[in-house]
Amino acid sequence: MDIYSRKFPIIIIIILVGILAFQVMNNENNNPIIDSETCELYIQDSQFGGKKYLNEYDSKCLDFKNLNP
């Protein structure tokens, strides 16, 4: 395939759009979840099937825990 042909840029664009769509679909599982016991944010890591903590805490959860000991 010659890089100067008319089909080459169209094929490259289709491939790049496909890669972008694949990344967006796989990235939906990375929304942070709040641990109810510690109020720490984590994501489910699909590589080892466990929780990956982000060392960040949810302020609303901490406030609620302080009001209800």
N, C-alpha and C. Protein backbone atom coordinates (compact mmCIF):
# COMPACT_ATOMS: atom_id res chain seq x y z
N MET A 1 0.84 -1.17 0.00
CA MET A 1 0.00 0.00 0.00
C MET A 1 0.89 1.24 0.00
N ASP A 2 0.60 2.11 -0.89
CA ASP A 2 1.35 3.34 -1.05
C ASP A 2 0.79 4.41 -0.11
N ILE A 3 1.66 5.11 0.62
CA ILE A 3 1.18 6.10 1.58
C ILE A 3 0.60 7.33 0.87
N TYR A 4 0.78 7.46 -0.41
CA TYR A 4 0.25 8.59 -1.16
C TYR A 4 -1.10 8.28 -1.79
N SER A 5 -1.64 7.10 -1.55
CA SER A 5 -2.93 6.77 -2.14
C SER A 5 -4.05 7.44 -1.34
N ARG A 6 -5.25 7.50 -1.94
CA ARG A 6 -6.38 8.15 -1.28
C ARG A 6 -6.96 7.29 -0.17
N LYS A 7 -6.78 5.99 -0.22
CA LYS A 7 -7.36 5.10 0.77
C LYS A 7 -6.56 5.07 2.07
N PHE A 8 -5.29 5.36 2.01
CA PHE A 8 -4.42 5.24 3.18
C PHE A 8 -4.86 6.13 4.35
N PRO A 9 -5.12 7.44 4.13
CA PRO A 9 -5.55 8.26 5.27
C PRO A 9 -6.89 7.80 5.86
N ILE A 10 -7.79 7.32 5.04
CA ILE A 10 -9.08 6.85 5.52
C ILE A 10 -8.90 5.61 6.40
N ILE A 11 -8.04 4.71 5.99
CA ILE A 11 -7.78 3.50 6.76
C ILE A 11 -7.14 3.86 8.11
N ILE A 12 -6.20 4.78 8.10
CA ILE A 12 -5.54 5.21 9.34
C ILE A 12 -6.55 5.85 10.29
N ILE A 13 -7.45 6.69 9.77
CA ILE A 13 -8.46 7.34 10.60
C ILE A 13 -9.40 6.30 11.21
N ILE A 14 -9.82 5.33 10.43
CA ILE A 14 -10.71 4.28 10.94
C ILE A 14 -10.02 3.49 12.04
N ILE A 15 -8.75 3.16 11.86
CA ILE A 15 -8.00 2.42 12.88
C ILE A 15 -7.88 3.24 14.16
N LEU A 16 -7.56 4.52 14.05
CA LEU A 16 -7.40 5.37 15.23
C LEU A 16 -8.73 5.57 15.97
N VAL A 17 -9.82 5.72 15.23
CA VAL A 17 -11.13 5.85 15.86
C VAL A 17 -11.49 4.54 16.58
N GLY A 18 -11.16 3.41 16.00
CA GLY A 18 -11.40 2.13 16.64
C GLY A 18 -10.62 1.98 17.93
N ILE A 19 -9.36 2.39 17.93
CA ILE A 19 -8.53 2.33 19.14
C ILE A 19 -9.09 3.26 20.21
N LEU A 20 -9.52 4.46 19.84
CA LEU A 20 -10.10 5.39 20.79
C LEU A 20 -11.39 4.84 21.39
N ALA A 21 -12.24 4.26 20.57
CA ALA A 21 -13.50 3.68 21.07
C ALA A 21 -13.21 2.53 22.03
N PHE A 22 -12.22 1.72 21.73
CA PHE A 22 -11.85 0.60 22.60
C PHE A 22 -11.37 1.11 23.96
N GLN A 23 -10.57 2.17 23.97
CA GLN A 23 -10.07 2.72 25.22
C GLN A 23 -11.19 3.33 26.05
N VAL A 24 -12.14 3.99 25.41
CA VAL A 24 -13.26 4.58 26.14
C VAL A 24 -14.12 3.49 26.76
N MET A 25 -14.36 2.41 26.05
CA MET A 25 -15.17 1.32 26.59
C MET A 25 -14.48 0.63 27.76
N ASN A 26 -13.18 0.49 27.71
CA ASN A 26 -12.45 -0.15 28.80
C ASN A 26 -12.24 0.78 29.98
N ASN A 27 -12.32 2.07 29.78
CA ASN A 27 -12.05 3.03 30.84
C ASN A 27 -13.26 3.28 31.73
N GLU A 28 -14.44 2.78 31.35
CA GLU A 28 -15.65 3.01 32.14
C GLU A 28 -15.58 2.33 33.50
N ASN A 29 -14.80 1.27 33.64
CA ASN A 29 -14.71 0.55 34.90
C ASN A 29 -13.80 1.22 35.91
N ASN A 30 -13.18 2.33 35.55
CA ASN A 30 -12.21 2.97 36.43
C ASN A 30 -12.81 4.12 37.23
N ASN A 31 -14.13 4.12 37.41
CA ASN A 31 -14.73 5.15 38.24
C ASN A 31 -14.43 4.85 39.70
N PRO A 32 -14.01 5.86 40.46
CA PRO A 32 -13.67 5.60 41.86
C PRO A 32 -14.89 5.16 42.67
N ILE A 33 -14.67 4.23 43.58
CA ILE A 33 -15.69 3.71 44.48
C ILE A 33 -15.25 4.06 45.90
N ILE A 34 -16.22 4.34 46.77
CA ILE A 34 -15.92 4.71 48.14
C ILE A 34 -16.00 3.47 49.02
N ASP A 35 -14.93 3.23 49.77
CA ASP A 35 -14.93 2.15 50.76
C ASP A 35 -15.77 2.60 51.95
N SER A 36 -16.79 1.84 52.29
CA SER A 36 -17.73 2.27 53.33
C SER A 36 -17.11 2.28 54.73
N GLU A 37 -16.09 1.51 54.96
CA GLU A 37 -15.48 1.46 56.29
C GLU A 37 -14.47 2.57 56.51
N THR A 38 -13.66 2.86 55.50
CA THR A 38 -12.59 3.84 55.67
C THR A 38 -12.82 5.15 54.93
N CYS A 39 -13.84 5.21 54.09
CA CYS A 39 -14.15 6.38 53.25
C CYS A 39 -13.05 6.67 52.23
N GLU A 40 -12.19 5.71 51.98
CA GLU A 40 -11.11 5.90 51.01
C GLU A 40 -11.60 5.52 49.62
N LEU A 41 -11.14 6.25 48.62
CA LEU A 41 -11.52 5.98 47.24
C LEU A 41 -10.63 4.88 46.66
N TYR A 42 -11.25 3.99 45.88
CA TYR A 42 -10.50 2.93 45.21
C TYR A 42 -11.13 2.62 43.87
N ILE A 43 -10.39 1.92 43.03
CA ILE A 43 -10.90 1.42 41.76
C ILE A 43 -10.70 -0.08 41.72
N GLN A 44 -11.57 -0.77 41.01
CA GLN A 44 -11.41 -2.20 40.81
C GLN A 44 -10.34 -2.40 39.75
N ASP A 45 -9.27 -3.06 40.09
CA ASP A 45 -8.19 -3.31 39.14
C ASP A 45 -8.44 -4.64 38.46
N SER A 46 -8.66 -4.60 37.15
CA SER A 46 -8.99 -5.82 36.41
C SER A 46 -7.76 -6.69 36.16
N GLN A 47 -6.56 -6.15 36.32
CA GLN A 47 -5.36 -6.94 36.04
C GLN A 47 -5.14 -8.01 37.10
N PHE A 48 -5.34 -7.66 38.38
CA PHE A 48 -5.15 -8.67 39.42
C PHE A 48 -6.44 -8.94 40.19
N GLY A 49 -7.54 -8.33 39.78
CA GLY A 49 -8.84 -8.61 40.36
C GLY A 49 -9.04 -8.13 41.78
N GLY A 50 -8.41 -7.05 42.15
CA GLY A 50 -8.54 -6.54 43.51
C GLY A 50 -8.80 -5.05 43.52
N LYS A 51 -8.76 -4.49 44.73
CA LYS A 51 -8.97 -3.07 44.91
C LYS A 51 -7.62 -2.34 44.85
N LYS A 52 -7.60 -1.22 44.14
CA LYS A 52 -6.41 -0.37 44.10
C LYS A 52 -6.79 0.96 44.75
N TYR A 53 -6.28 1.19 45.96
CA TYR A 53 -6.63 2.39 46.70
C TYR A 53 -5.87 3.59 46.15
N LEU A 54 -6.55 4.75 46.13
CA LEU A 54 -6.00 5.95 45.52
C LEU A 54 -5.40 6.92 46.54
N ASN A 55 -5.40 6.56 47.82
CA ASN A 55 -4.90 7.43 48.90
C ASN A 55 -5.62 8.77 48.94
N GLU A 56 -6.93 8.75 48.60
CA GLU A 56 -7.78 9.93 48.68
C GLU A 56 -9.02 9.54 49.46
N TYR A 57 -9.58 10.49 50.20
CA TYR A 57 -10.74 10.23 51.04
C TYR A 57 -11.90 11.10 50.60
N ASP A 58 -13.11 10.58 50.72
CA ASP A 58 -14.31 11.31 50.38
C ASP A 58 -14.73 12.17 51.58
N SER A 59 -14.77 13.47 51.39
CA SER A 59 -15.05 14.38 52.50
C SER A 59 -16.48 14.22 53.01
N LYS A 60 -17.44 13.99 52.14
CA LYS A 60 -18.83 13.82 52.59
C LYS A 60 -18.97 12.56 53.44
N CYS A 61 -18.30 11.50 53.06
CA CYS A 61 -18.35 10.27 53.83
C CYS A 61 -17.71 10.47 55.20
N LEU A 62 -16.58 11.17 55.24
CA LEU A 62 -15.91 11.43 56.52
C LEU A 62 -16.79 12.29 57.43
N ASP A 63 -17.45 13.30 56.87
CA ASP A 63 -18.35 14.14 57.66
C ASP A 63 -19.50 13.32 58.22
N PHE A 64 -20.04 12.43 57.41
CA PHE A 64 -21.15 11.59 57.86
C PHE A 64 -20.71 10.65 58.98
N LYS A 65 -19.52 10.08 58.84
CA LYS A 65 -19.01 9.17 59.88
C LYS A 65 -18.74 9.94 61.19
N ASN A 66 -18.30 11.19 61.10
CA ASN A 66 -18.05 11.98 62.31
C ASN A 66 -19.35 12.37 63.01
N LEU A 67 -20.44 12.53 62.25
CA LEU A 67 -21.72 12.87 62.85
C LEU A 67 -22.40 11.66 63.49
N ASN A 68 -22.12 10.48 62.95
CA ASN A 68 -22.73 9.24 63.45
C ASN A 68 -21.64 8.28 63.93
N PRO A 69 -21.12 8.44 65.12
CA PRO A 69 -20.02 7.56 65.58
C PRO A 69 -20.49 6.16 65.88
